[in-house]
Amino acid sequence: MAKVLGLGGIFFTCNDVDAYRKWWADHMRVDVTDWGSFEWSADGKGQTMMSPFKSDSDYLSPSRERFMINLRVDDVAKLIERARNGGATVIGEVEDTDYGIFGWFIDPEGIKIELWQEA
């Protein structure tokens, strides 16, 4: 049976690819592959999801993009601080919920990033 198993990647355009990769490497400690992508090996934890929202939802605000990237992380607070120190616009406060800890920022290309630390 054919079925979707999880997120394979997110592909998008940006104004300065090299600067964008460098920002993520410098401030969020993400490794850049020889191919130029950011890749993470499965660690047997968490889940990956795709979730549609109604077109009038403000969940992706203040970004004007029609998508948001959710990243599963191990320390939301530390990564939010790194993003802020790198010049990203942090959105709201870090929230500790039944589903885990969440934090949001707008990256250098105007994309809203949601960080999720499992409960």
N, C-alpha and C. Protein backbone atom coordinates (compact mmCIF):
# COMPACT_ATOMS: atom_id res chain seq x y z
N MET A 1 0.85 -1.17 0.00
CA MET A 1 0.00 0.00 0.00
C MET A 1 0.90 1.24 0.00
N ALA A 2 0.60 2.20 -0.82
CA ALA A 2 1.34 3.45 -0.87
C ALA A 2 0.73 4.45 0.11
N LYS A 3 1.60 5.08 0.92
CA LYS A 3 1.11 6.08 1.87
C LYS A 3 2.23 7.08 2.18
N VAL A 4 1.86 8.23 2.62
CA VAL A 4 2.83 9.23 3.03
C VAL A 4 3.36 8.84 4.41
N LEU A 5 4.69 8.85 4.56
CA LEU A 5 5.30 8.44 5.82
C LEU A 5 5.74 9.60 6.70
N GLY A 6 5.88 10.79 6.14
CA GLY A 6 6.30 11.95 6.92
C GLY A 6 6.86 13.02 6.01
N LEU A 7 7.29 14.08 6.57
CA LEU A 7 7.82 15.19 5.80
C LEU A 7 9.15 14.81 5.19
N GLY A 8 9.26 14.96 3.88
CA GLY A 8 10.51 14.68 3.19
C GLY A 8 11.37 15.92 3.10
N GLY A 9 10.77 17.07 3.09
CA GLY A 9 11.53 18.32 3.04
C GLY A 9 10.63 19.48 2.71
N ILE A 10 11.19 20.64 2.83
CA ILE A 10 10.49 21.86 2.47
C ILE A 10 11.40 22.59 1.50
N PHE A 11 10.86 22.97 0.35
CA PHE A 11 11.64 23.61 -0.69
C PHE A 11 11.05 24.99 -0.95
N PHE A 12 11.91 25.99 -1.06
CA PHE A 12 11.44 27.36 -1.23
C PHE A 12 12.56 28.19 -1.83
N THR A 13 12.21 29.34 -2.32
CA THR A 13 13.20 30.26 -2.87
C THR A 13 13.56 31.31 -1.83
N CYS A 14 14.74 31.92 -1.98
CA CYS A 14 15.12 33.01 -1.11
C CYS A 14 16.04 33.97 -1.86
N ASN A 15 16.20 35.15 -1.32
CA ASN A 15 16.93 36.21 -2.01
C ASN A 15 18.43 35.97 -2.09
N ASP A 16 19.05 35.50 -1.02
CA ASP A 16 20.50 35.28 -0.98
C ASP A 16 20.74 33.92 -0.34
N VAL A 17 20.87 32.90 -1.18
CA VAL A 17 20.97 31.52 -0.70
C VAL A 17 22.16 31.33 0.23
N ASP A 18 23.32 31.86 -0.14
CA ASP A 18 24.51 31.68 0.69
C ASP A 18 24.35 32.34 2.06
N ALA A 19 23.84 33.55 2.11
CA ALA A 19 23.63 34.24 3.38
C ALA A 19 22.59 33.51 4.23
N TYR A 20 21.57 32.98 3.58
CA TYR A 20 20.53 32.26 4.30
C TYR A 20 21.11 31.00 4.95
N ARG A 21 21.86 30.24 4.18
CA ARG A 21 22.50 29.03 4.73
C ARG A 21 23.43 29.41 5.89
N LYS A 22 24.20 30.47 5.72
CA LYS A 22 25.13 30.90 6.76
C LYS A 22 24.38 31.31 8.03
N TRP A 23 23.27 32.02 7.89
CA TRP A 23 22.48 32.43 9.06
C TRP A 23 22.04 31.20 9.85
N TRP A 24 21.50 30.22 9.16
CA TRP A 24 21.05 29.00 9.84
C TRP A 24 22.21 28.25 10.48
N ALA A 25 23.36 28.18 9.82
CA ALA A 25 24.53 27.51 10.38
C ALA A 25 25.07 28.27 11.59
N ASP A 26 25.19 29.59 11.49
CA ASP A 26 25.76 30.39 12.56
C ASP A 26 24.86 30.51 13.78
N HIS A 27 23.59 30.75 13.57
CA HIS A 27 22.71 31.09 14.69
C HIS A 27 21.87 29.93 15.22
N MET A 28 21.59 28.96 14.36
CA MET A 28 20.75 27.85 14.80
C MET A 28 21.53 26.53 14.85
N ARG A 29 22.84 26.60 14.53
CA ARG A 29 23.75 25.44 14.57
C ARG A 29 23.28 24.29 13.68
N VAL A 30 22.73 24.63 12.52
CA VAL A 30 22.26 23.62 11.56
C VAL A 30 23.40 23.33 10.59
N ASP A 31 23.69 22.05 10.38
CA ASP A 31 24.72 21.67 9.41
C ASP A 31 24.18 21.81 7.99
N VAL A 32 25.01 22.32 7.11
CA VAL A 32 24.67 22.45 5.70
C VAL A 32 25.42 21.34 4.96
N THR A 33 24.69 20.54 4.19
CA THR A 33 25.31 19.43 3.45
C THR A 33 26.09 19.96 2.25
N ASP A 34 26.89 19.10 1.66
CA ASP A 34 27.61 19.44 0.44
C ASP A 34 26.64 19.85 -0.66
N TRP A 35 25.45 19.29 -0.63
CA TRP A 35 24.41 19.59 -1.61
C TRP A 35 23.81 20.98 -1.38
N GLY A 36 24.00 21.51 -0.15
CA GLY A 36 23.49 22.83 0.19
C GLY A 36 22.18 22.81 0.94
N SER A 37 21.75 21.63 1.37
CA SER A 37 20.48 21.52 2.10
C SER A 37 20.75 21.34 3.58
N PHE A 38 19.71 21.46 4.38
CA PHE A 38 19.76 21.16 5.81
C PHE A 38 19.06 19.81 5.96
N GLU A 39 19.74 18.86 6.58
CA GLU A 39 19.15 17.53 6.71
C GLU A 39 19.36 17.00 8.12
N TRP A 40 18.36 16.28 8.61
CA TRP A 40 18.43 15.67 9.92
C TRP A 40 18.09 14.20 9.78
N SER A 41 18.87 13.35 10.42
CA SER A 41 18.58 11.92 10.41
C SER A 41 17.46 11.63 11.39
N ALA A 42 16.66 10.63 11.07
CA ALA A 42 15.58 10.23 11.97
C ALA A 42 16.19 9.74 13.28
N ASP A 43 15.60 10.12 14.39
CA ASP A 43 16.11 9.69 15.69
C ASP A 43 15.12 8.79 16.43
N GLY A 44 14.05 8.41 15.75
CA GLY A 44 13.08 7.51 16.36
C GLY A 44 12.14 8.19 17.34
N LYS A 45 12.17 9.51 17.41
CA LYS A 45 11.30 10.24 18.32
C LYS A 45 10.41 11.19 17.54
N GLY A 46 9.38 11.67 18.18
CA GLY A 46 8.54 12.71 17.60
C GLY A 46 7.78 12.29 16.37
N GLN A 47 7.23 13.29 15.74
CA GLN A 47 6.42 13.06 14.55
C GLN A 47 6.61 14.22 13.60
N THR A 48 6.31 13.99 12.37
CA THR A 48 6.32 15.04 11.36
C THR A 48 4.90 15.15 10.84
N MET A 49 4.44 16.37 10.62
CA MET A 49 3.07 16.52 10.16
C MET A 49 2.95 17.62 9.12
N MET A 50 1.88 17.57 8.39
CA MET A 50 1.48 18.63 7.48
C MET A 50 0.07 19.01 7.89
N SER A 51 -0.17 20.30 8.14
CA SER A 51 -1.46 20.71 8.67
C SER A 51 -1.99 21.92 7.92
N PRO A 52 -3.09 21.77 7.19
CA PRO A 52 -3.66 22.91 6.47
C PRO A 52 -4.45 23.81 7.41
N PHE A 53 -4.46 25.10 7.09
CA PHE A 53 -5.23 26.09 7.83
C PHE A 53 -6.12 26.83 6.86
N LYS A 54 -7.27 27.32 7.32
CA LYS A 54 -8.15 28.12 6.48
C LYS A 54 -7.41 29.36 5.99
N SER A 55 -7.78 29.83 4.83
CA SER A 55 -7.07 30.96 4.22
C SER A 55 -7.16 32.23 5.06
N ASP A 56 -8.17 32.36 5.93
CA ASP A 56 -8.28 33.57 6.75
C ASP A 56 -7.67 33.38 8.15
N SER A 57 -6.98 32.27 8.38
CA SER A 57 -6.34 32.04 9.67
C SER A 57 -5.19 33.02 9.86
N ASP A 58 -4.99 33.47 11.10
CA ASP A 58 -3.87 34.34 11.39
C ASP A 58 -2.72 33.58 12.05
N TYR A 59 -2.77 32.25 12.03
CA TYR A 59 -1.76 31.44 12.70
C TYR A 59 -0.36 31.65 12.09
N LEU A 60 -0.28 31.97 10.81
CA LEU A 60 1.01 32.17 10.16
C LEU A 60 1.48 33.62 10.24
N SER A 61 0.66 34.50 10.78
CA SER A 61 1.01 35.91 10.92
C SER A 61 2.17 36.06 11.90
N PRO A 62 3.00 37.05 11.76
CA PRO A 62 2.90 38.15 10.82
C PRO A 62 3.57 37.89 9.47
N SER A 63 4.02 36.68 9.24
CA SER A 63 4.60 36.37 7.93
C SER A 63 3.54 36.52 6.85
N ARG A 64 3.95 36.95 5.68
CA ARG A 64 3.02 37.06 4.56
C ARG A 64 3.07 35.82 3.68
N GLU A 65 3.94 34.86 4.04
CA GLU A 65 4.05 33.62 3.28
C GLU A 65 2.84 32.73 3.56
N ARG A 66 2.59 31.83 2.63
CA ARG A 66 1.47 30.91 2.77
C ARG A 66 1.88 29.62 3.47
N PHE A 67 3.06 29.61 4.05
CA PHE A 67 3.51 28.41 4.76
C PHE A 67 4.34 28.82 5.97
N MET A 68 4.49 27.89 6.88
CA MET A 68 5.33 28.04 8.07
C MET A 68 6.10 26.74 8.20
N ILE A 69 7.29 26.81 8.70
CA ILE A 69 8.09 25.61 8.92
C ILE A 69 8.09 25.31 10.41
N ASN A 70 7.73 24.08 10.76
CA ASN A 70 7.77 23.61 12.14
C ASN A 70 8.98 22.70 12.27
N LEU A 71 9.82 22.99 13.26
CA LEU A 71 11.00 22.18 13.52
C LEU A 71 10.93 21.59 14.91
N ARG A 72 11.15 20.29 15.01
CA ARG A 72 11.21 19.62 16.31
C ARG A 72 12.60 19.86 16.87
N VAL A 73 12.69 20.37 18.09
CA VAL A 73 13.97 20.76 18.69
C VAL A 73 14.09 20.23 20.11
N ASP A 74 15.28 20.35 20.69
CA ASP A 74 15.47 19.87 22.06
C ASP A 74 15.54 20.99 23.09
N ASP A 75 15.59 22.25 22.66
CA ASP A 75 15.64 23.36 23.61
C ASP A 75 15.10 24.63 22.95
N VAL A 76 13.80 24.81 23.03
CA VAL A 76 13.15 25.96 22.38
C VAL A 76 13.73 27.27 22.88
N ALA A 77 13.85 27.43 24.18
CA ALA A 77 14.30 28.71 24.73
C ALA A 77 15.68 29.10 24.22
N LYS A 78 16.60 28.17 24.20
CA LYS A 78 17.95 28.46 23.73
C LYS A 78 17.96 28.82 22.25
N LEU A 79 17.18 28.09 21.44
CA LEU A 79 17.15 28.37 20.00
C LEU A 79 16.45 29.69 19.69
N ILE A 80 15.43 30.02 20.48
CA ILE A 80 14.77 31.32 20.30
C ILE A 80 15.77 32.44 20.59
N GLU A 81 16.57 32.26 21.63
CA GLU A 81 17.56 33.28 21.96
C GLU A 81 18.62 33.39 20.86
N ARG A 82 19.06 32.27 20.32
CA ARG A 82 20.01 32.30 19.21
C ARG A 82 19.42 33.02 18.01
N ALA A 83 18.16 32.74 17.71
CA ALA A 83 17.51 33.41 16.58
C ALA A 83 17.45 34.91 16.83
N ARG A 84 17.05 35.31 18.02
CA ARG A 84 16.98 36.74 18.37
C ARG A 84 18.36 37.39 18.23
N ASN A 85 19.40 36.73 18.74
CA ASN A 85 20.75 37.26 18.65
C ASN A 85 21.24 37.35 17.21
N GLY A 86 20.66 36.53 16.34
CA GLY A 86 21.01 36.57 14.93
C GLY A 86 20.20 37.58 14.13
N GLY A 87 19.34 38.33 14.82
CA GLY A 87 18.58 39.37 14.15
C GLY A 87 17.18 38.96 13.73
N ALA A 88 16.76 37.73 14.06
CA ALA A 88 15.41 37.30 13.73
C ALA A 88 14.39 38.05 14.60
N THR A 89 13.19 38.18 14.10
CA THR A 89 12.10 38.78 14.85
C THR A 89 11.37 37.68 15.60
N VAL A 90 11.47 37.70 16.92
CA VAL A 90 10.79 36.69 17.74
C VAL A 90 9.33 37.09 17.88
N ILE A 91 8.44 36.12 17.75
CA ILE A 91 7.00 36.34 17.79
C ILE A 91 6.48 35.85 19.14
N GLY A 92 5.90 36.74 19.91
CA GLY A 92 5.27 36.36 21.17
C GLY A 92 6.26 35.79 22.17
N GLU A 93 5.72 35.01 23.09
CA GLU A 93 6.50 34.38 24.16
C GLU A 93 6.55 32.88 23.93
N VAL A 94 7.55 32.23 24.47
CA VAL A 94 7.63 30.77 24.46
C VAL A 94 6.45 30.25 25.27
N GLU A 95 5.76 29.24 24.73
CA GLU A 95 4.58 28.68 25.40
C GLU A 95 4.82 27.23 25.77
N ASP A 96 4.51 26.88 27.01
CA ASP A 96 4.60 25.51 27.51
C ASP A 96 3.18 24.96 27.56
N THR A 97 2.87 23.99 26.69
CA THR A 97 1.51 23.45 26.58
C THR A 97 1.52 21.94 26.84
N ASP A 98 0.34 21.34 26.81
CA ASP A 98 0.24 19.89 26.97
C ASP A 98 0.95 19.15 25.83
N TYR A 99 1.06 19.79 24.66
CA TYR A 99 1.70 19.17 23.49
C TYR A 99 3.21 19.37 23.48
N GLY A 100 3.70 20.27 24.31
CA GLY A 100 5.12 20.56 24.35
C GLY A 100 5.37 22.06 24.45
N ILE A 101 6.60 22.44 24.26
CA ILE A 101 7.01 23.84 24.35
C ILE A 101 7.15 24.38 22.93
N PHE A 102 6.60 25.57 22.70
CA PHE A 102 6.60 26.17 21.37
C PHE A 102 7.20 27.57 21.43
N GLY A 103 7.87 27.95 20.35
CA GLY A 103 8.38 29.29 20.17
C GLY A 103 8.38 29.62 18.69
N TRP A 104 8.30 30.92 18.36
CA TRP A 104 8.17 31.33 16.96
C TRP A 104 9.07 32.51 16.65
N PHE A 105 9.56 32.54 15.42
CA PHE A 105 10.29 33.71 14.95
C PHE A 105 10.16 33.82 13.44
N ILE A 106 10.47 35.01 12.95
CA ILE A 106 10.51 35.26 11.51
C ILE A 106 11.98 35.24 11.11
N ASP A 107 12.34 34.36 10.18
CA ASP A 107 13.75 34.24 9.79
C ASP A 107 14.14 35.34 8.80
N PRO A 108 15.41 35.38 8.37
CA PRO A 108 15.87 36.47 7.51
C PRO A 108 15.15 36.59 6.17
N GLU A 109 14.45 35.55 5.73
CA GLU A 109 13.70 35.61 4.47
C GLU A 109 12.23 35.90 4.68
N GLY A 110 11.82 36.18 5.93
CA GLY A 110 10.42 36.49 6.22
C GLY A 110 9.55 35.27 6.44
N ILE A 111 10.17 34.10 6.62
CA ILE A 111 9.42 32.86 6.83
C ILE A 111 9.20 32.66 8.33
N LYS A 112 7.97 32.36 8.70
CA LYS A 112 7.68 32.08 10.11
C LYS A 112 8.16 30.67 10.44
N ILE A 113 8.95 30.58 11.50
CA ILE A 113 9.48 29.30 11.97
C ILE A 113 8.86 29.01 13.34
N GLU A 114 8.30 27.82 13.47
CA GLU A 114 7.76 27.37 14.76
C GLU A 114 8.70 26.30 15.29
N LEU A 115 9.19 26.49 16.50
CA LEU A 115 10.03 25.49 17.16
C LEU A 115 9.16 24.71 18.12
N TRP A 116 9.32 23.39 18.12
CA TRP A 116 8.52 22.52 18.97
C TRP A 116 9.43 21.58 19.73
N GLN A 117 9.31 21.61 21.05
CA GLN A 117 10.03 20.70 21.94
C GLN A 117 8.99 19.78 22.56
N GLU A 118 9.13 18.50 22.28
CA GLU A 118 8.13 17.54 22.77
C GLU A 118 7.95 17.61 24.27
N ALA A 119 6.70 17.37 24.70
CA ALA A 119 6.40 17.35 26.14
C ALA A 119 7.07 16.15 26.79
